[in-house]
Amino acid sequence: MRIASLKTLAVAAAFCLAAPLAAQPPGDGHASSFWEGAPAGVWERIGFMQERINRGVEHHRLNRTEATRAQNELGRLREMTRNMRNRDGGTLNETDRTYLQDRLDHLGNDIHWMAHNGW
């Protein structure tokens, strides 16, 4: 292989490795800082999200439409959680837990975006 080809390959590899770092949200680069204080369990996180919505309304960071949208999604997640638990004898299996946690992550991101940018 020629030297020029090796240099090109090295530069391309460096860009591939740097791309995920450039896509990180602003801040200290730790995802945990965005969720600081959030509990780990699904039901506990649902309660945490309810508090975030309530605080957003109270501090005028969420308008009525945004709060209603977030509240509706949280209601759907509560219902899904109940149905999944009932189906599996009162517990959540790992697949359901992961799915619900992902939906809660998405809702949290939506609330954050609405509070800072408006819907």
C-alpha atoms as a PDB file:
ATOM      1  CA  MET A   1       0.000   0.000   0.000  1.00  0.00           C
ATOM      2  CA  ARG A   2       1.322   3.451  -0.794  1.00  0.00           C
ATOM      3  CA  ILE A   3       2.107   6.024   1.921  1.00  0.00           C
ATOM      4  CA  ALA A   4      -0.556   8.432   0.578  1.00  0.00           C
ATOM      5  CA  SER A   5      -3.198   5.708   0.860  1.00  0.00           C
ATOM      6  CA  LEU A   6      -2.165   4.973   4.447  1.00  0.00           C
ATOM      7  CA  LYS A   7      -2.384   8.660   5.349  1.00  0.00           C
ATOM      8  CA  THR A   8      -5.828   8.920   3.771  1.00  0.00           C
ATOM      9  CA  LEU A   9      -6.946   5.829   5.649  1.00  0.00           C
ATOM     10  CA  ALA A  10      -5.614   7.225   8.939  1.00  0.00           C
ATOM     11  CA  VAL A  11      -7.405  10.557   8.424  1.00  0.00           C
ATOM     12  CA  ALA A  12     -10.667   8.786   7.554  1.00  0.00           C
ATOM     13  CA  ALA A  13     -10.391   6.611  10.664  1.00  0.00           C
ATOM     14  CA  ALA A  14      -9.785   9.687  12.828  1.00  0.00           C
ATOM     15  CA  PHE A  15     -12.930  11.348  11.457  1.00  0.00           C
ATOM     16  CA  CYS A  16     -14.981   8.203  12.094  1.00  0.00           C
ATOM     17  CA  LEU A  17     -13.824   8.107  15.699  1.00  0.00           C
ATOM     18  CA  ALA A  18     -14.385  11.841  16.248  1.00  0.00           C
ATOM     19  CA  ALA A  19     -17.932  11.966  14.823  1.00  0.00           C
ATOM     20  CA  PRO A  20     -19.674  10.461  17.879  1.00  0.00           C
ATOM     21  CA  LEU A  21     -17.878  12.936  20.135  1.00  0.00           C
ATOM     22  CA  ALA A  22     -19.029  15.867  18.014  1.00  0.00           C
ATOM     23  CA  ALA A  23     -22.626  14.641  18.233  1.00  0.00           C
ATOM     24  CA  GLN A  24     -22.690  14.806  22.048  1.00  0.00           C
ATOM     25  CA  PRO A  25     -25.027  17.345  23.672  1.00  0.00           C
ATOM     26  CA  PRO A  26     -23.478  20.486  25.122  1.00  0.00           C
ATOM     27  CA  GLY A  27     -22.386  20.417  28.718  1.00  0.00           C
ATOM     28  CA  ASP A  28     -19.909  18.229  30.489  1.00  0.00           C
ATOM     29  CA  GLY A  29     -20.438  15.409  27.996  1.00  0.00           C
ATOM     30  CA  HIS A  30     -21.932  13.029  30.542  1.00  0.00           C
ATOM     31  CA  ALA A  31     -25.471  11.867  29.829  1.00  0.00           C
ATOM     32  CA  SER A  32     -25.954  11.380  33.548  1.00  0.00           C
ATOM     33  CA  SER A  33     -25.759  15.130  34.211  1.00  0.00           C
ATOM     34  CA  PHE A  34     -28.907  15.678  32.126  1.00  0.00           C
ATOM     35  CA  TRP A  35     -30.754  13.081  34.226  1.00  0.00           C
ATOM     36  CA  GLU A  36     -29.218  14.006  37.580  1.00  0.00           C
ATOM     37  CA  GLY A  37     -31.670  13.210  40.347  1.00  0.00           C
ATOM     38  CA  ALA A  38     -33.810  10.933  38.166  1.00  0.00           C
ATOM     39  CA  PRO A  39     -34.620   7.529  39.656  1.00  0.00           C
ATOM     40  CA  ALA A  40     -33.837   4.303  37.826  1.00  0.00           C
ATOM     41  CA  GLY A  41     -37.145   2.397  38.120  1.00  0.00           C
ATOM     42  CA  VAL A  42     -39.932   2.811  35.557  1.00  0.00           C
ATOM     43  CA  TRP A  43     -42.681   3.804  38.048  1.00  0.00           C
ATOM     44  CA  GLU A  44     -40.313   6.126  39.867  1.00  0.00           C
ATOM     45  CA  ARG A  45     -39.275   7.773  36.591  1.00  0.00           C
ATOM     46  CA  ILE A  46     -42.918   8.240  35.652  1.00  0.00           C
ATOM     47  CA  GLY A  47     -43.380  10.109  38.944  1.00  0.00           C
ATOM     48  CA  PHE A  48     -40.217  12.110  38.245  1.00  0.00           C
ATOM     49  CA  MET A  49     -41.573  13.082  34.810  1.00  0.00           C
ATOM     50  CA  GLN A  50     -44.851  14.153  36.392  1.00  0.00           C
ATOM     51  CA  GLU A  51     -42.908  16.453  38.712  1.00  0.00           C
ATOM     52  CA  ARG A  52     -40.946  17.868  35.754  1.00  0.00           C
ATOM     53  CA  ILE A  53     -44.177  18.645  33.906  1.00  0.00           C
ATOM     54  CA  ASN A  54     -45.687  20.243  37.011  1.00  0.00           C
ATOM     55  CA  ARG A  55     -42.571  22.368  37.594  1.00  0.00           C
ATOM     56  CA  GLY A  56     -42.499  23.380  33.923  1.00  0.00           C
ATOM     57  CA  VAL A  57     -46.065  24.666  34.142  1.00  0.00           C
ATOM     58  CA  GLU A  58     -45.520  26.314  37.524  1.00  0.00           C
ATOM     59  CA  HIS A  59     -42.420  28.166  36.308  1.00  0.00           C
ATOM     60  CA  HIS A  60     -44.019  29.051  32.915  1.00  0.00           C
ATOM     61  CA  ARG A  61     -41.476  27.017  30.943  1.00  0.00           C
ATOM     62  CA  LEU A  62     -44.257  24.882  29.440  1.00  0.00           C
ATOM     63  CA  ASN A  63     -47.430  26.394  28.036  1.00  0.00           C
ATOM     64  CA  ARG A  64     -50.806  24.653  28.244  1.00  0.00           C
ATOM     65  CA  THR A  65     -50.428  22.903  24.885  1.00  0.00           C
ATOM     66  CA  GLU A  66     -46.940  21.621  25.714  1.00  0.00           C
ATOM     67  CA  ALA A  67     -48.003  20.453  29.171  1.00  0.00           C
ATOM     68  CA  THR A  68     -51.057  18.678  27.746  1.00  0.00           C
ATOM     69  CA  ARG A  69     -48.931  16.959  25.128  1.00  0.00           C
ATOM     70  CA  ALA A  70     -46.431  15.762  27.755  1.00  0.00           C
ATOM     71  CA  GLN A  71     -49.247  14.755  30.132  1.00  0.00           C
ATOM     72  CA  ASN A  72     -50.952  12.700  27.421  1.00  0.00           C
ATOM     73  CA  GLU A  73     -47.740  10.841  26.600  1.00  0.00           C
ATOM     74  CA  LEU A  74     -47.084  10.210  30.282  1.00  0.00           C
ATOM     75  CA  GLY A  75     -50.635   8.861  30.637  1.00  0.00           C
ATOM     76  CA  ARG A  76     -50.027   6.482  27.730  1.00  0.00           C
ATOM     77  CA  LEU A  77     -46.797   5.297  29.388  1.00  0.00           C
ATOM     78  CA  ARG A  78     -48.614   4.708  32.701  1.00  0.00           C
ATOM     79  CA  GLU A  79     -51.261   2.644  30.915  1.00  0.00           C
ATOM     80  CA  MET A  80     -48.658   0.671  28.946  1.00  0.00           C
ATOM     81  CA  THR A  81     -46.727  -0.045  32.127  1.00  0.00           C
ATOM     82  CA  ARG A  82     -49.865  -1.309  33.892  1.00  0.00           C
ATOM     83  CA  ASN A  83     -50.793  -3.512  30.932  1.00  0.00           C
ATOM     84  CA  MET A  84     -47.292  -4.962  30.616  1.00  0.00           C
ATOM     85  CA  ARG A  85     -47.110  -5.684  34.344  1.00  0.00           C
ATOM     86  CA  ASN A  86     -50.546  -7.316  34.354  1.00  0.00           C
ATOM     87  CA  ARG A  87     -49.619  -9.445  31.363  1.00  0.00           C
ATOM     88  CA  ASP A  88     -46.454 -10.700  33.070  1.00  0.00           C
ATOM     89  CA  GLY A  89     -47.828 -11.404  36.532  1.00  0.00           C
ATOM     90  CA  GLY A  90     -47.007  -8.084  38.196  1.00  0.00           C
ATOM     91  CA  THR A  91     -43.459  -7.567  36.967  1.00  0.00           C
ATOM     92  CA  LEU A  92     -41.836  -6.087  33.874  1.00  0.00           C
ATOM     93  CA  ASN A  93     -39.619  -8.272  31.747  1.00  0.00           C
ATOM     94  CA  GLU A  94     -36.321  -6.811  30.534  1.00  0.00           C
ATOM     95  CA  THR A  95     -37.607  -6.102  27.010  1.00  0.00           C
ATOM     96  CA  ASP A  96     -40.615  -4.166  28.303  1.00  0.00           C
ATOM     97  CA  ARG A  97     -38.498  -2.303  30.849  1.00  0.00           C
ATOM     98  CA  THR A  98     -36.024  -1.244  28.156  1.00  0.00           C
ATOM     99  CA  TYR A  99     -38.848  -0.148  25.839  1.00  0.00           C
ATOM    100  CA  LEU A 100     -40.495   1.930  28.575  1.00  0.00           C
ATOM    101  CA  GLN A 101     -37.188   3.474  29.653  1.00  0.00           C
ATOM    102  CA  ASP A 102     -36.521   4.480  26.037  1.00  0.00           C
ATOM    103  CA  ARG A 103     -39.971   6.078  25.790  1.00  0.00           C
ATOM    104  CA  LEU A 104     -39.348   7.923  29.079  1.00  0.00           C
ATOM    105  CA  ASP A 105     -35.988   9.130  27.723  1.00  0.00           C
ATOM    106  CA  HIS A 106     -37.758  10.423  24.632  1.00  0.00           C
ATOM    107  CA  LEU A 107     -40.429  12.159  26.722  1.00  0.00           C
ATOM    108  CA  GLY A 108     -37.749  13.735  28.913  1.00  0.00           C
ATOM    109  CA  ASN A 109     -35.968  15.039  25.824  1.00  0.00           C
ATOM    110  CA  ASP A 110     -39.264  16.414  24.479  1.00  0.00           C
ATOM    111  CA  ILE A 111     -40.002  18.192  27.775  1.00  0.00           C
ATOM    112  CA  HIS A 112     -36.494  19.640  27.817  1.00  0.00           C
ATOM    113  CA  TRP A 113     -36.818  20.823  24.216  1.00  0.00           C
ATOM    114  CA  MET A 114     -40.275  22.335  24.752  1.00  0.00           C
ATOM    115  CA  ALA A 115     -39.118  24.130  27.913  1.00  0.00           C
ATOM    116  CA  HIS A 116     -36.211  25.711  26.056  1.00  0.00           C
ATOM    117  CA  ASN A 117     -37.541  26.148  22.522  1.00  0.00           C
ATOM    118  CA  GLY A 118     -41.329  26.000  22.630  1.00  0.00           C
ATOM    119  CA  TRP A 119     -43.446  23.576  20.652  1.00  0.00           C
END
